[in-house]
Amino acid sequence: MYESEIYIRTVQENLPNDVLNQFKNTLGSIKSRSILHWAEHCTECSIPTCFTTCDLYSPRMDGKCQRFVYGIEKVNINAEQSMYLLKIYFKKWGVLAKQGNNELFDMDKSKSIERSDLKISSLIHLPWPSFVKRKFAQKRYDFKKKHIIKTQNTSNLIPDAFARMPCTVSPE
């Protein structure tokens, strides 16, 4: 899960078949997973003064600073679009962060939660006035963050792995 209330763009990528197969094999071995709300942050942040004092401040639709070149882009990697990657190009001081959570959901439930999140977030991206979009996005972000904190670690299931696949390419 990512900041879909801010970024909802999907891009096409032509990944090599061996890379796609590795992702598919990894996904096929996962029985349950947590839902982490990945968000864009700055390592030098001092909100709210940085919005007026930092030369690197670039506003997003919610007024926070955009520290990713194109935001967080969703890359579908299979025809059913149930498997995707996130593509991010970092600007100076940009960092991808999340509220920790090890609450586990089976794969069907986690996909359902993410689909629901995308549907709700798509409403924010309708052609509302910018101040309405900003308010909706802030409320959605606050709700997601508080909900994750409130519901985390209630199942007593313990994750046995953390999987990530970093990529270090630059924008063209």
C-alpha atoms as a PDB file:
ATOM      1  CA  MET A   1       0.000   0.000   0.000  1.00  0.00           C
ATOM      2  CA  TYR A   2       1.284   3.457  -0.771  1.00  0.00           C
ATOM      3  CA  GLU A   3       0.083   7.059  -0.654  1.00  0.00           C
ATOM      4  CA  SER A   4      -2.689   6.473  -3.176  1.00  0.00           C
ATOM      5  CA  GLU A   5      -4.487   9.537  -1.853  1.00  0.00           C
ATOM      6  CA  ILE A   6      -1.612  11.532  -3.414  1.00  0.00           C
ATOM      7  CA  TYR A   7      -0.286   9.307  -6.196  1.00  0.00           C
ATOM      8  CA  ILE A   8      -2.518   7.084  -8.283  1.00  0.00           C
ATOM      9  CA  ARG A   9      -0.598   7.069 -11.574  1.00  0.00           C
ATOM     10  CA  THR A  10       0.080   3.719 -13.222  1.00  0.00           C
ATOM     11  CA  VAL A  11       2.951   3.399 -15.680  1.00  0.00           C
ATOM     12  CA  GLN A  12       3.962   0.675 -18.127  1.00  0.00           C
ATOM     13  CA  GLU A  13       7.372  -0.936 -17.906  1.00  0.00           C
ATOM     14  CA  ASN A  14       8.963  -3.606 -20.052  1.00  0.00           C
ATOM     15  CA  LEU A  15      10.765  -5.663 -17.455  1.00  0.00           C
ATOM     16  CA  PRO A  16      12.851  -8.645 -18.575  1.00  0.00           C
ATOM     17  CA  ASN A  17      11.027 -11.982 -18.320  1.00  0.00           C
ATOM     18  CA  ASP A  18      13.556 -13.402 -15.859  1.00  0.00           C
ATOM     19  CA  VAL A  19      12.938 -10.453 -13.516  1.00  0.00           C
ATOM     20  CA  LEU A  20       9.160 -10.843 -13.846  1.00  0.00           C
ATOM     21  CA  ASN A  21       9.429 -14.565 -13.181  1.00  0.00           C
ATOM     22  CA  GLN A  22      11.431 -13.930 -10.013  1.00  0.00           C
ATOM     23  CA  PHE A  23       8.733 -11.567  -8.731  1.00  0.00           C
ATOM     24  CA  LYS A  24       5.992 -14.045  -9.635  1.00  0.00           C
ATOM     25  CA  ASN A  25       7.830 -16.919  -7.921  1.00  0.00           C
ATOM     26  CA  THR A  26       8.365 -14.837  -4.805  1.00  0.00           C
ATOM     27  CA  LEU A  27       4.737 -13.717  -4.731  1.00  0.00           C
ATOM     28  CA  GLY A  28       3.569 -17.303  -5.219  1.00  0.00           C
ATOM     29  CA  SER A  29       5.404 -18.411  -2.072  1.00  0.00           C
ATOM     30  CA  ILE A  30       3.846 -15.741   0.167  1.00  0.00           C
ATOM     31  CA  LYS A  31       0.911 -17.002   2.248  1.00  0.00           C
ATOM     32  CA  SER A  32       0.200 -13.846   4.249  1.00  0.00           C
ATOM     33  CA  ARG A  33       1.608 -10.350   4.518  1.00  0.00           C
ATOM     34  CA  SER A  34       1.315  -7.137   6.425  1.00  0.00           C
ATOM     35  CA  ILE A  35      -0.054  -3.954   4.909  1.00  0.00           C
ATOM     36  CA  LEU A  36       2.447  -1.147   5.180  1.00  0.00           C
ATOM     37  CA  HIS A  37       1.496   2.409   4.255  1.00  0.00           C
ATOM     38  CA  TRP A  38       4.591   3.601   2.424  1.00  0.00           C
ATOM     39  CA  ALA A  39       4.941   7.370   2.334  1.00  0.00           C
ATOM     40  CA  GLU A  40       7.240  10.051   0.942  1.00  0.00           C
ATOM     41  CA  HIS A  41       9.385  11.898   3.490  1.00  0.00           C
ATOM     42  CA  CYS A  42      12.440  14.115   3.740  1.00  0.00           C
ATOM     43  CA  THR A  43      15.532  13.344   5.829  1.00  0.00           C
ATOM     44  CA  GLU A  44      15.997  17.040   6.609  1.00  0.00           C
ATOM     45  CA  CYS A  45      12.368  17.774   7.436  1.00  0.00           C
ATOM     46  CA  SER A  46      11.362  20.378   9.995  1.00  0.00           C
ATOM     47  CA  ILE A  47       7.643  20.788   9.277  1.00  0.00           C
ATOM     48  CA  PRO A  48       6.092  23.341   8.940  1.00  0.00           C
ATOM     49  CA  THR A  49       8.946  25.855   8.785  1.00  0.00           C
ATOM     50  CA  CYS A  50      10.659  23.997   5.952  1.00  0.00           C
ATOM     51  CA  PHE A  51       7.700  24.814   3.692  1.00  0.00           C
ATOM     52  CA  THR A  52       8.808  28.450   3.755  1.00  0.00           C
ATOM     53  CA  THR A  53      12.558  28.181   4.454  1.00  0.00           C
ATOM     54  CA  CYS A  54      13.789  25.198   2.404  1.00  0.00           C
ATOM     55  CA  ASP A  55      15.029  25.889  -1.130  1.00  0.00           C
ATOM     56  CA  LEU A  56      14.106  22.303  -2.094  1.00  0.00           C
ATOM     57  CA  TYR A  57      10.443  22.576  -1.053  1.00  0.00           C
ATOM     58  CA  SER A  58       8.148  21.509  -3.867  1.00  0.00           C
ATOM     59  CA  PRO A  59       4.455  21.200  -2.897  1.00  0.00           C
ATOM     60  CA  ARG A  60       2.389  18.089  -3.517  1.00  0.00           C
ATOM     61  CA  MET A  61      -1.412  18.207  -3.813  1.00  0.00           C
ATOM     62  CA  ASP A  62      -1.686  17.943   0.011  1.00  0.00           C
ATOM     63  CA  GLY A  63       0.823  20.753   0.619  1.00  0.00           C
ATOM     64  CA  LYS A  64       3.577  18.438   1.883  1.00  0.00           C
ATOM     65  CA  CYS A  65       6.933  18.405   0.128  1.00  0.00           C
ATOM     66  CA  GLN A  66       7.412  16.256  -2.971  1.00  0.00           C
ATOM     67  CA  ARG A  67      10.743  14.473  -2.537  1.00  0.00           C
ATOM     68  CA  PHE A  68      10.259  11.986  -5.398  1.00  0.00           C
ATOM     69  CA  VAL A  69      10.816  13.101  -8.997  1.00  0.00           C
ATOM     70  CA  TYR A  70       7.552  11.664 -10.363  1.00  0.00           C
ATOM     71  CA  GLY A  71       5.919  10.653  -7.102  1.00  0.00           C
ATOM     72  CA  ILE A  72       5.179   6.995  -6.386  1.00  0.00           C
ATOM     73  CA  GLU A  73       4.243   5.269  -9.627  1.00  0.00           C
ATOM     74  CA  LYS A  74       2.461   1.924  -9.737  1.00  0.00           C
ATOM     75  CA  VAL A  75       3.835  -0.535 -12.305  1.00  0.00           C
ATOM     76  CA  ASN A  76       1.500  -3.414 -13.192  1.00  0.00           C
ATOM     77  CA  ILE A  77       3.486  -6.523 -13.981  1.00  0.00           C
ATOM     78  CA  ASN A  78       0.801  -9.016 -14.926  1.00  0.00           C
ATOM     79  CA  ALA A  79      -2.373  -9.014 -16.980  1.00  0.00           C
ATOM     80  CA  GLU A  80      -4.696  -9.365 -13.972  1.00  0.00           C
ATOM     81  CA  GLN A  81      -3.035  -6.327 -12.359  1.00  0.00           C
ATOM     82  CA  SER A  82      -3.087  -8.090  -8.999  1.00  0.00           C
ATOM     83  CA  MET A  83       0.694  -7.925  -8.856  1.00  0.00           C
ATOM     84  CA  TYR A  84       2.519  -4.648  -9.049  1.00  0.00           C
ATOM     85  CA  LEU A  85       5.727  -2.863  -8.175  1.00  0.00           C
ATOM     86  CA  LEU A  86       6.233   0.716  -7.101  1.00  0.00           C
ATOM     87  CA  LYS A  87       8.630   2.868  -9.084  1.00  0.00           C
ATOM     88  CA  ILE A  88      10.312   5.810  -7.387  1.00  0.00           C
ATOM     89  CA  TYR A  89      13.060   8.221  -8.388  1.00  0.00           C
ATOM     90  CA  PHE A  90      14.334  10.040  -5.299  1.00  0.00           C
ATOM     91  CA  LYS A  91      15.221  13.717  -5.146  1.00  0.00           C
ATOM     92  CA  LYS A  92      17.878  15.013  -2.749  1.00  0.00           C
ATOM     93  CA  TRP A  93      16.923  14.126   0.851  1.00  0.00           C
ATOM     94  CA  GLY A  94      13.952  12.041  -0.289  1.00  0.00           C
ATOM     95  CA  VAL A  95      13.231   8.890   1.682  1.00  0.00           C
ATOM     96  CA  LEU A  96      10.548   6.196   1.546  1.00  0.00           C
ATOM     97  CA  ALA A  97       9.183   5.551   5.047  1.00  0.00           C
ATOM     98  CA  LYS A  98       6.304   3.743   6.720  1.00  0.00           C
ATOM     99  CA  GLN A  99       4.555   3.164  10.034  1.00  0.00           C
ATOM    100  CA  GLY A 100       5.793  -0.245  11.179  1.00  0.00           C
ATOM    101  CA  ASN A 101       3.209  -2.992  11.416  1.00  0.00           C
ATOM    102  CA  ASN A 102       3.421  -6.765  11.487  1.00  0.00           C
ATOM    103  CA  GLU A 103      -0.305  -7.525  11.438  1.00  0.00           C
ATOM    104  CA  LEU A 104      -0.679 -10.323   8.893  1.00  0.00           C
ATOM    105  CA  PHE A 105      -3.460 -10.766   6.322  1.00  0.00           C
ATOM    106  CA  ASP A 106      -3.914 -13.612   3.860  1.00  0.00           C
ATOM    107  CA  MET A 107      -3.215 -12.630   0.264  1.00  0.00           C
ATOM    108  CA  ASP A 108      -6.876 -12.346  -0.763  1.00  0.00           C
ATOM    109  CA  LYS A 109      -7.693 -10.075   2.189  1.00  0.00           C
ATOM    110  CA  SER A 110      -4.639  -7.869   1.610  1.00  0.00           C
ATOM    111  CA  LYS A 111      -5.521  -7.477  -2.101  1.00  0.00           C
ATOM    112  CA  SER A 112      -9.093  -6.599  -1.128  1.00  0.00           C
ATOM    113  CA  ILE A 113      -7.871  -3.935   1.303  1.00  0.00           C
ATOM    114  CA  GLU A 114      -5.597  -2.426  -1.338  1.00  0.00           C
ATOM    115  CA  ARG A 115      -8.364  -2.438  -3.994  1.00  0.00           C
ATOM    116  CA  SER A 116     -10.675  -0.671  -1.540  1.00  0.00           C
ATOM    117  CA  ASP A 117      -7.982   1.898  -0.768  1.00  0.00           C
ATOM    118  CA  LEU A 118      -7.498   2.610  -4.481  1.00  0.00           C
ATOM    119  CA  LYS A 119     -11.245   3.037  -5.032  1.00  0.00           C
ATOM    120  CA  ILE A 120     -11.537   5.515  -2.163  1.00  0.00           C
ATOM    121  CA  SER A 121      -8.403   7.341  -3.258  1.00  0.00           C
ATOM    122  CA  SER A 122      -9.672   7.618  -6.837  1.00  0.00           C
ATOM    123  CA  LEU A 123     -12.475   9.842  -5.513  1.00  0.00           C
ATOM    124  CA  ILE A 124      -9.854  12.299  -4.242  1.00  0.00           C
ATOM    125  CA  HIS A 125      -8.388  12.501  -7.741  1.00  0.00           C
ATOM    126  CA  LEU A 126     -11.628  13.640  -9.353  1.00  0.00           C
ATOM    127  CA  PRO A 127     -11.575  17.240 -10.670  1.00  0.00           C
ATOM    128  CA  TRP A 128     -12.293  18.910  -7.308  1.00  0.00           C
ATOM    129  CA  PRO A 129     -10.929  22.357  -6.460  1.00  0.00           C
ATOM    130  CA  SER A 130      -7.352  22.021  -5.141  1.00  0.00           C
ATOM    131  CA  PHE A 131      -8.281  23.002  -1.560  1.00  0.00           C
ATOM    132  CA  VAL A 132     -10.909  20.206  -1.485  1.00  0.00           C
ATOM    133  CA  LYS A 133      -8.422  17.650  -2.828  1.00  0.00           C
ATOM    134  CA  ARG A 134      -5.860  18.782  -0.237  1.00  0.00           C
ATOM    135  CA  LYS A 135      -8.352  18.395   2.614  1.00  0.00           C
ATOM    136  CA  PHE A 136      -9.569  14.965   1.406  1.00  0.00           C
ATOM    137  CA  ALA A 137      -5.980  13.755   0.938  1.00  0.00           C
ATOM    138  CA  GLN A 138      -4.963  14.895   4.430  1.00  0.00           C
ATOM    139  CA  LYS A 139      -8.009  13.229   6.013  1.00  0.00           C
ATOM    140  CA  ARG A 140      -7.404  10.002   4.081  1.00  0.00           C
ATOM    141  CA  TYR A 141      -3.729   9.923   5.085  1.00  0.00           C
ATOM    142  CA  ASP A 142      -4.575  10.543   8.746  1.00  0.00           C
ATOM    143  CA  PHE A 143      -7.265   7.837   8.699  1.00  0.00           C
ATOM    144  CA  LYS A 144      -4.961   5.227   7.127  1.00  0.00           C
ATOM    145  CA  LYS A 145      -2.103   6.001   9.502  1.00  0.00           C
ATOM    146  CA  LYS A 146      -4.311   5.935  12.618  1.00  0.00           C
ATOM    147  CA  HIS A 147      -6.085   2.752  11.470  1.00  0.00           C
ATOM    148  CA  ILE A 148      -2.778   0.933  10.923  1.00  0.00           C
ATOM    149  CA  ILE A 149      -1.544   1.973  14.378  1.00  0.00           C
ATOM    150  CA  LYS A 150      -4.827   1.004  16.047  1.00  0.00           C
ATOM    151  CA  THR A 151      -5.093  -2.429  14.429  1.00  0.00           C
ATOM    152  CA  GLN A 152      -1.467  -3.494  14.330  1.00  0.00           C
ATOM    153  CA  ASN A 153      -0.260  -6.678  15.998  1.00  0.00           C
ATOM    154  CA  THR A 154      -3.691  -7.915  17.106  1.00  0.00           C
ATOM    155  CA  SER A 155      -3.608 -11.390  15.534  1.00  0.00           C
ATOM    156  CA  ASN A 156      -0.631 -12.734  17.509  1.00  0.00           C
ATOM    157  CA  LEU A 157       0.826 -14.063  14.244  1.00  0.00           C
ATOM    158  CA  ILE A 158       4.520 -13.377  13.825  1.00  0.00           C
ATOM    159  CA  PRO A 159       6.005 -12.679  10.375  1.00  0.00           C
ATOM    160  CA  ASP A 160       8.958 -14.902   9.479  1.00  0.00           C
ATOM    161  CA  ALA A 161      10.501 -12.730   6.763  1.00  0.00           C
ATOM    162  CA  PHE A 162      10.775  -9.235   5.350  1.00  0.00           C
ATOM    163  CA  ALA A 163      11.052  -9.117   1.573  1.00  0.00           C
ATOM    164  CA  ARG A 164      12.159  -6.153  -0.462  1.00  0.00           C
ATOM    165  CA  MET A 165      13.755  -5.871  -3.863  1.00  0.00           C
ATOM    166  CA  PRO A 166      15.701  -2.631  -4.303  1.00  0.00           C
ATOM    167  CA  CYS A 167      16.494  -1.113  -7.659  1.00  0.00           C
ATOM    168  CA  THR A 168      19.111   1.553  -8.262  1.00  0.00           C
ATOM    169  CA  VAL A 169      18.481   3.047 -11.699  1.00  0.00           C
ATOM    170  CA  SER A 170      18.240   6.741 -12.517  1.00  0.00           C
ATOM    171  CA  PRO A 171      15.460   8.525 -14.408  1.00  0.00           C
ATOM    172  CA  GLU A 172      16.123   8.911 -18.108  1.00  0.00           C
END
